[in-house]
Amino acid sequence: PRISLGLEWTGLIRMLPLRTGFATGGNKSTAFSF
């Protein structure tokens, strides 16, 4: 199994979202995303 989690924050400026994510497990290595 591979577990992934992602978040998006639109904050005060809806047209400029900020995103982050994390994934681990499976046949791939751990990864962070922005």
All heavy atoms as atom14 arrays in JSON, in Angstrom:
{
  "sequence": "PRISLGLEWTGLIRMLPLRTGFATGGNKSTAFSF",
  "atom14_mask": [
    [1, 1, 1, 1, 1, 1, 1, 0, 0, 0, 0, 0, 0, 0],
    [1, 1, 1, 1, 1, 1, 1, 1, 1, 1, 1, 0, 0, 0],
    [1, 1, 1, 1, 1, 1, 1, 1, 0, 0, 0, 0, 0, 0],
    [1, 1, 1, 1, 1, 1, 0, 0, 0, 0, 0, 0, 0, 0],
    [1, 1, 1, 1, 1, 1, 1, 1, 0, 0, 0, 0, 0, 0],
    [1, 1, 1, 1, 0, 0, 0, 0, 0, 0, 0, 0, 0, 0],
    [1, 1, 1, 1, 1, 1, 1, 1, 0, 0, 0, 0, 0, 0],
    [1, 1, 1, 1, 1, 1, 1, 1, 1, 0, 0, 0, 0, 0],
    [1, 1, 1, 1, 1, 1, 1, 1, 1, 1, 1, 1, 1, 1],
    [1, 1, 1, 1, 1, 1, 1, 0, 0, 0, 0, 0, 0, 0],
    [1, 1, 1, 1, 0, 0, 0, 0, 0, 0, 0, 0, 0, 0],
    [1, 1, 1, 1, 1, 1, 1, 1, 0, 0, 0, 0, 0, 0],
    [1, 1, 1, 1, 1, 1, 1, 1, 0, 0, 0, 0, 0, 0],
    [1, 1, 1, 1, 1, 1, 1, 1, 1, 1, 1, 0, 0, 0],
    [1, 1, 1, 1, 1, 1, 1, 1, 0, 0, 0, 0, 0, 0],
    [1, 1, 1, 1, 1, 1, 1, 1, 0, 0, 0, 0, 0, 0],
    [1, 1, 1, 1, 1, 1, 1, 0, 0, 0, 0, 0, 0, 0],
    [1, 1, 1, 1, 1, 1, 1, 1, 0, 0, 0, 0, 0, 0],
    [1, 1, 1, 1, 1, 1, 1, 1, 1, 1, 1, 0, 0, 0],
    [1, 1, 1, 1, 1, 1, 1, 0, 0, 0, 0, 0, 0, 0],
    [1, 1, 1, 1, 0, 0, 0, 0, 0, 0, 0, 0, 0, 0],
    [1, 1, 1, 1, 1, 1, 1, 1, 1, 1, 1, 0, 0, 0],
    [1, 1, 1, 1, 1, 0, 0, 0, 0, 0, 0, 0, 0, 0],
    [1, 1, 1, 1, 1, 1, 1, 0, 0, 0, 0, 0, 0, 0],
    [1, 1, 1, 1, 0, 0, 0, 0, 0, 0, 0, 0, 0, 0],
    [1, 1, 1, 1, 0, 0, 0, 0, 0, 0, 0, 0, 0, 0],
    [1, 1, 1, 1, 1, 1, 1, 1, 0, 0, 0, 0, 0, 0],
    [1, 1, 1, 1, 1, 1, 1, 1, 1, 0, 0, 0, 0, 0],
    [1, 1, 1, 1, 1, 1, 0, 0, 0, 0, 0, 0, 0, 0],
    [1, 1, 1, 1, 1, 1, 1, 0, 0, 0, 0, 0, 0, 0],
    [1, 1, 1, 1, 1, 0, 0, 0, 0, 0, 0, 0, 0, 0],
    [1, 1, 1, 1, 1, 1, 1, 1, 1, 1, 1, 0, 0, 0],
    [1, 1, 1, 1, 1, 1, 0, 0, 0, 0, 0, 0, 0, 0],
    [1, 1, 1, 1, 1, 1, 1, 1, 1, 1, 1, 0, 0, 0]
  ],
  "atom14_positions": [
    [[0.81, -1.21, 0.0], [0.0, 0.0, 0.0], [0.85, 1.27, 0.0], [1.96, 1.28, 0.53], [-0.82, -0.1, 1.29], [-0.06, -1.03, 2.16], [0.7, -1.95, 1.25], [0.0, 0.0, 0.0], [0.0, 0.0, 0.0], [0.0, 0.0, 0.0], [0.0, 0.0, 0.0], [0.0, 0.0, 0.0], [0.0, 0.0, 0.0], [0.0, 0.0, 0.0]],
    [[0.35, 2.31, -0.62], [1.01, 3.62, -0.62], [0.02, 4.63, -0.06], [-1.14, 4.68, -0.49], [1.42, 4.03, -2.03], [2.15, 5.36, -2.09], [2.92, 5.49, -3.38], [3.59, 6.76, -3.54], [4.81, 7.04, -3.07], [5.48, 6.11, -2.42], [5.35, 8.22, -3.27], [0.0, 0.0, 0.0], [0.0, 0.0, 0.0], [0.0, 0.0, 0.0]],
    [[0.47, 5.42, 0.89], [-0.37, 6.42, 1.54], [0.07, 7.8, 1.07], [1.25, 8.12, 1.09], [-0.27, 6.31, 3.07], [-0.79, 4.94, 3.51], [-1.04, 7.43, 3.75], [-0.57, 4.65, 4.97], [0.0, 0.0, 0.0], [0.0, 0.0, 0.0], [0.0, 0.0, 0.0], [0.0, 0.0, 0.0], [0.0, 0.0, 0.0], [0.0, 0.0, 0.0]],
    [[-0.89, 8.61, 0.63], [-0.61, 9.96, 0.17], [-1.59, 10.92, 0.85], [-2.75, 10.59, 1.08], [-0.79, 10.07, -1.34], [0.07, 9.19, -2.0], [0.0, 0.0, 0.0], [0.0, 0.0, 0.0], [0.0, 0.0, 0.0], [0.0, 0.0, 0.0], [0.0, 0.0, 0.0], [0.0, 0.0, 0.0], [0.0, 0.0, 0.0], [0.0, 0.0, 0.0]],
    [[-1.09, 12.12, 1.16], [-1.9, 13.15, 1.79], [-1.56, 14.48, 1.15], [-0.38, 14.8, 0.95], [-1.62, 13.2, 3.29], [-2.28, 14.32, 4.08], [-3.79, 14.1, 4.14], [-1.72, 14.38, 5.48], [0.0, 0.0, 0.0], [0.0, 0.0, 0.0], [0.0, 0.0, 0.0], [0.0, 0.0, 0.0], [0.0, 0.0, 0.0], [0.0, 0.0, 0.0]],
    [[-2.56, 15.26, 0.82], [-2.33, 16.58, 0.23], [-3.25, 17.62, 0.82], [-4.37, 17.31, 1.25], [0.0, 0.0, 0.0], [0.0, 0.0, 0.0], [0.0, 0.0, 0.0], [0.0, 0.0, 0.0], [0.0, 0.0, 0.0], [0.0, 0.0, 0.0], [0.0, 0.0, 0.0], [0.0, 0.0, 0.0], [0.0, 0.0, 0.0], [0.0, 0.0, 0.0]],
    [[-2.76, 18.84, 0.9], [-3.54, 19.96, 1.42], [-3.45, 21.15, 0.47], [-2.4, 21.38, -0.14], [-2.99, 20.4, 2.79], [-3.03, 19.38, 3.91], [-2.27, 19.9, 5.1], [-4.45, 19.07, 4.29], [0.0, 0.0, 0.0], [0.0, 0.0, 0.0], [0.0, 0.0, 0.0], [0.0, 0.0, 0.0], [0.0, 0.0, 0.0], [0.0, 0.0, 0.0]],
    [[-4.54, 21.88, 0.35], [-4.55, 23.12, -0.44], [-5.15, 24.21, 0.42], [-6.18, 24.03, 1.06], [-5.38, 22.96, -1.7], [-5.43, 24.23, -2.53], [-6.18, 24.07, -3.83], [-5.83, 23.16, -4.6], [-7.12, 24.86, -4.06], [0.0, 0.0, 0.0], [0.0, 0.0, 0.0], [0.0, 0.0, 0.0], [0.0, 0.0, 0.0], [0.0, 0.0, 0.0]],
    [[-4.48, 25.37, 0.46], [-4.95, 26.51, 1.23], [-5.11, 27.69, 0.29], [-4.16, 28.09, -0.38], [-3.96, 26.83, 2.35], [-4.37, 27.97, 3.21], [-5.47, 28.05, 4.02], [-3.68, 29.21, 3.37], [-5.5, 29.25, 4.67], [-4.41, 29.99, 4.29], [-2.51, 29.74, 2.83], [-4.0, 31.26, 4.66], [-2.12, 31.0, 3.21], [-2.86, 31.74, 4.12]],
    [[-6.32, 28.24, 0.23], [-6.55, 29.38, -0.62], [-6.37, 30.7, 0.13], [-6.13, 31.72, -0.49], [-7.95, 29.34, -1.27], [-8.92, 29.19, -0.24], [-8.06, 28.23, -2.27], [0.0, 0.0, 0.0], [0.0, 0.0, 0.0], [0.0, 0.0, 0.0], [0.0, 0.0, 0.0], [0.0, 0.0, 0.0], [0.0, 0.0, 0.0], [0.0, 0.0, 0.0]],
    [[-6.46, 30.67, 1.45], [-6.17, 31.84, 2.26], [-6.95, 33.07, 1.85], [-8.11, 33.0, 1.47], [0.0, 0.0, 0.0], [0.0, 0.0, 0.0], [0.0, 0.0, 0.0], [0.0, 0.0, 0.0], [0.0, 0.0, 0.0], [0.0, 0.0, 0.0], [0.0, 0.0, 0.0], [0.0, 0.0, 0.0], [0.0, 0.0, 0.0], [0.0, 0.0, 0.0]],
    [[-6.28, 34.2, 1.88], [-6.94, 35.46, 1.57], [-7.05, 35.74, 0.08], [-7.89, 36.49, -0.36], [-6.17, 36.61, 2.24], [-6.08, 36.53, 3.76], [-5.19, 37.64, 4.29], [-7.46, 36.59, 4.38], [0.0, 0.0, 0.0], [0.0, 0.0, 0.0], [0.0, 0.0, 0.0], [0.0, 0.0, 0.0], [0.0, 0.0, 0.0], [0.0, 0.0, 0.0]],
    [[-6.16, 35.12, -0.71], [-6.16, 35.36, -2.15], [-6.6, 34.08, -2.85], [-5.8, 33.16, -3.05], [-4.76, 35.8, -2.63], [-4.27, 37.01, -1.84], [-4.78, 36.08, -4.12], [-2.84, 37.39, -2.12], [0.0, 0.0, 0.0], [0.0, 0.0, 0.0], [0.0, 0.0, 0.0], [0.0, 0.0, 0.0], [0.0, 0.0, 0.0], [0.0, 0.0, 0.0]],
    [[-7.86, 33.99, -3.21], [-8.41, 32.77, -3.79], [-7.72, 32.37, -5.09], [-7.59, 31.2, -5.42], [-9.9, 32.94, -4.02], [-10.54, 31.69, -4.54], [-12.02, 31.89, -4.78], [-12.53, 30.74, -5.52], [-13.49, 29.97, -5.09], [-14.07, 30.2, -3.95], [-13.89, 28.95, -5.81], [0.0, 0.0, 0.0], [0.0, 0.0, 0.0], [0.0, 0.0, 0.0]],
    [[-7.24, 33.35, -5.87], [-6.63, 33.03, -7.16], [-5.19, 32.56, -7.05], [-4.56, 32.25, -8.05], [-6.7, 34.25, -8.1], [-5.95, 35.45, -7.6], [-6.18, 36.87, -8.66], [-4.73, 36.75, -9.65], [0.0, 0.0, 0.0], [0.0, 0.0, 0.0], [0.0, 0.0, 0.0], [0.0, 0.0, 0.0], [0.0, 0.0, 0.0], [0.0, 0.0, 0.0]],
    [[-4.64, 32.46, -5.81], [-3.25, 32.03, -5.61], [-3.19, 30.96, -4.52], [-2.77, 31.22, -3.4], [-2.39, 33.24, -5.23], [-0.9, 33.03, -5.17], [-0.34, 32.71, -6.54], [-0.21, 34.26, -4.62], [0.0, 0.0, 0.0], [0.0, 0.0, 0.0], [0.0, 0.0, 0.0], [0.0, 0.0, 0.0], [0.0, 0.0, 0.0], [0.0, 0.0, 0.0]],
    [[-3.61, 29.71, -4.82], [-3.62, 28.66, -3.81], [-2.2, 28.15, -3.51], [-1.31, 28.17, -4.36], [-4.45, 27.55, -4.46], [-4.23, 27.75, -5.93], [-4.11, 29.24, -6.11], [0.0, 0.0, 0.0], [0.0, 0.0, 0.0], [0.0, 0.0, 0.0], [0.0, 0.0, 0.0], [0.0, 0.0, 0.0], [0.0, 0.0, 0.0], [0.0, 0.0, 0.0]],
    [[-2.0, 27.71, -2.28], [-0.75, 27.06, -1.87], [-1.05, 25.6, -1.58], [-2.05, 25.28, -0.94], [-0.18, 27.74, -0.62], [0.17, 29.21, -0.77], [0.61, 29.78, 0.57], [1.27, 29.39, -1.8], [0.0, 0.0, 0.0], [0.0, 0.0, 0.0], [0.0, 0.0, 0.0], [0.0, 0.0, 0.0], [0.0, 0.0, 0.0], [0.0, 0.0, 0.0]],
    [[-0.17, 24.71, -2.05], [-0.41, 23.27, -1.9], [0.82, 22.57, -1.34], [1.95, 22.96, -1.63], [-0.75, 22.64, -3.25], [-1.95, 23.26, -3.9], [-2.19, 22.64, -5.26], [-3.26, 23.33, -5.94], [-3.09, 24.12, -6.99], [-1.88, 24.28, -7.5], [-4.11, 24.73, -7.53], [0.0, 0.0, 0.0], [0.0, 0.0, 0.0], [0.0, 0.0, 0.0]],
    [[0.57, 21.5, -0.59], [1.65, 20.66, -0.11], [1.15, 19.21, -0.05], [-0.06, 18.98, 0.05], [2.17, 21.12, 1.28], [3.31, 20.35, 1.64], [1.1, 20.97, 2.35], [0.0, 0.0, 0.0], [0.0, 0.0, 0.0], [0.0, 0.0, 0.0], [0.0, 0.0, 0.0], [0.0, 0.0, 0.0], [0.0, 0.0, 0.0], [0.0, 0.0, 0.0]],
    [[2.06, 18.27, -0.12], [1.67, 16.87, -0.09], [2.79, 15.98, 0.42], [3.96, 16.39, 0.49], [0.0, 0.0, 0.0], [0.0, 0.0, 0.0], [0.0, 0.0, 0.0], [0.0, 0.0, 0.0], [0.0, 0.0, 0.0], [0.0, 0.0, 0.0], [0.0, 0.0, 0.0], [0.0, 0.0, 0.0], [0.0, 0.0, 0.0], [0.0, 0.0, 0.0]],
    [[2.43, 14.77, 0.8], [3.36, 13.78, 1.32], [2.89, 12.41, 0.86], [1.7, 12.13, 0.88], [3.39, 13.85, 2.86], [4.17, 12.76, 3.5], [5.55, 12.8, 3.54], [3.53, 11.67, 4.07], [6.28, 11.79, 4.13], [4.25, 10.66, 4.67], [5.62, 10.72, 4.7], [0.0, 0.0, 0.0], [0.0, 0.0, 0.0], [0.0, 0.0, 0.0]],
    [[3.82, 11.56, 0.44], [3.48, 10.19, 0.03], [4.57, 9.25, 0.51], [5.76, 9.58, 0.49], [3.34, 10.1, -1.48], [0.0, 0.0, 0.0], [0.0, 0.0, 0.0], [0.0, 0.0, 0.0], [0.0, 0.0, 0.0], [0.0, 0.0, 0.0], [0.0, 0.0, 0.0], [0.0, 0.0, 0.0], [0.0, 0.0, 0.0], [0.0, 0.0, 0.0]],
    [[4.17, 8.07, 0.96], [5.12, 7.07, 1.41], [4.54, 5.67, 1.19], [3.33, 5.5, 1.09], [5.5, 7.27, 2.89], [6.56, 6.4, 3.24], [4.32, 7.01, 3.82], [0.0, 0.0, 0.0], [0.0, 0.0, 0.0], [0.0, 0.0, 0.0], [0.0, 0.0, 0.0], [0.0, 0.0, 0.0], [0.0, 0.0, 0.0], [0.0, 0.0, 0.0]],
    [[5.41, 4.68, 1.09], [4.98, 3.3, 0.92], [5.01, 2.84, -0.52], [5.54, 3.54, -1.4], [0.0, 0.0, 0.0], [0.0, 0.0, 0.0], [0.0, 0.0, 0.0], [0.0, 0.0, 0.0], [0.0, 0.0, 0.0], [0.0, 0.0, 0.0], [0.0, 0.0, 0.0], [0.0, 0.0, 0.0], [0.0, 0.0, 0.0], [0.0, 0.0, 0.0]],
    [[4.46, 1.67, -0.75], [4.44, 1.11, -2.1], [5.83, 0.76, -2.59], [6.73, 0.49, -1.8], [0.0, 0.0, 0.0], [0.0, 0.0, 0.0], [0.0, 0.0, 0.0], [0.0, 0.0, 0.0], [0.0, 0.0, 0.0], [0.0, 0.0, 0.0], [0.0, 0.0, 0.0], [0.0, 0.0, 0.0], [0.0, 0.0, 0.0], [0.0, 0.0, 0.0]],
    [[6.02, 0.77, -3.88], [7.33, 0.47, -4.47], [8.16, 1.72, -4.7], [9.23, 1.65, -5.3], [7.15, -0.25, -5.82], [6.64, -1.66, -5.63], [6.85, -2.27, -4.59], [5.96, -2.18, -6.63], [0.0, 0.0, 0.0], [0.0, 0.0, 0.0], [0.0, 0.0, 0.0], [0.0, 0.0, 0.0], [0.0, 0.0, 0.0], [0.0, 0.0, 0.0]],
    [[7.67, 2.89, -4.26], [8.38, 4.15, -4.46], [8.87, 4.69, -3.13], [8.36, 4.33, -2.08], [7.46, 5.16, -5.13], [6.97, 4.72, -6.49], [6.08, 5.76, -7.1], [5.59, 5.3, -8.46], [4.72, 6.29, -9.09], [0.0, 0.0, 0.0], [0.0, 0.0, 0.0], [0.0, 0.0, 0.0], [0.0, 0.0, 0.0], [0.0, 0.0, 0.0]],
    [[9.85, 5.59, -3.19], [10.38, 6.17, -1.97], [9.45, 7.28, -1.46], [8.54, 7.73, -2.16], [11.78, 6.74, -2.22], [11.73, 7.77, -3.18], [0.0, 0.0, 0.0], [0.0, 0.0, 0.0], [0.0, 0.0, 0.0], [0.0, 0.0, 0.0], [0.0, 0.0, 0.0], [0.0, 0.0, 0.0], [0.0, 0.0, 0.0], [0.0, 0.0, 0.0]],
    [[9.72, 7.73, -0.25], [8.96, 8.82, 0.34], [9.16, 10.09, -0.47], [10.24, 10.34, -0.97], [9.44, 9.05, 1.79], [9.21, 7.84, 2.52], [8.71, 10.19, 2.45], [0.0, 0.0, 0.0], [0.0, 0.0, 0.0], [0.0, 0.0, 0.0], [0.0, 0.0, 0.0], [0.0, 0.0, 0.0], [0.0, 0.0, 0.0], [0.0, 0.0, 0.0]],
    [[8.11, 10.9, -0.6], [8.21, 12.13, -1.38], [7.39, 13.24, -0.73], [6.32, 12.99, -0.17], [7.71, 11.89, -2.8], [0.0, 0.0, 0.0], [0.0, 0.0, 0.0], [0.0, 0.0, 0.0], [0.0, 0.0, 0.0], [0.0, 0.0, 0.0], [0.0, 0.0, 0.0], [0.0, 0.0, 0.0], [0.0, 0.0, 0.0], [0.0, 0.0, 0.0]],
    [[7.92, 14.44, -0.78], [7.22, 15.66, -0.36], [6.95, 16.47, -1.62], [7.79, 16.51, -2.52], [8.08, 16.48, 0.59], [8.35, 15.81, 1.91], [9.5, 15.06, 2.09], [7.46, 15.94, 2.96], [9.76, 14.44, 3.29], [7.7, 15.32, 4.17], [8.86, 14.57, 4.34], [0.0, 0.0, 0.0], [0.0, 0.0, 0.0], [0.0, 0.0, 0.0]],
    [[5.81, 17.14, -1.68], [5.51, 17.98, -2.84], [5.0, 19.34, -2.38], [4.41, 19.48, -1.31], [4.49, 17.31, -3.75], [3.28, 17.1, -3.05], [0.0, 0.0, 0.0], [0.0, 0.0, 0.0], [0.0, 0.0, 0.0], [0.0, 0.0, 0.0], [0.0, 0.0, 0.0], [0.0, 0.0, 0.0], [0.0, 0.0, 0.0], [0.0, 0.0, 0.0]],
    [[5.27, 20.34, -3.22], [4.87, 21.71, -2.94], [4.4, 22.34, -4.24], [4.94, 22.02, -5.3], [6.05, 22.52, -2.39], [6.69, 21.88, -1.19], [7.77, 21.03, -1.34], [6.18, 22.12, 0.07], [8.34, 20.43, -0.24], [6.75, 21.52, 1.18], [7.84, 20.68, 1.03], [0.0, 0.0, 0.0], [0.0, 0.0, 0.0], [0.0, 0.0, 0.0]]
  ]
}
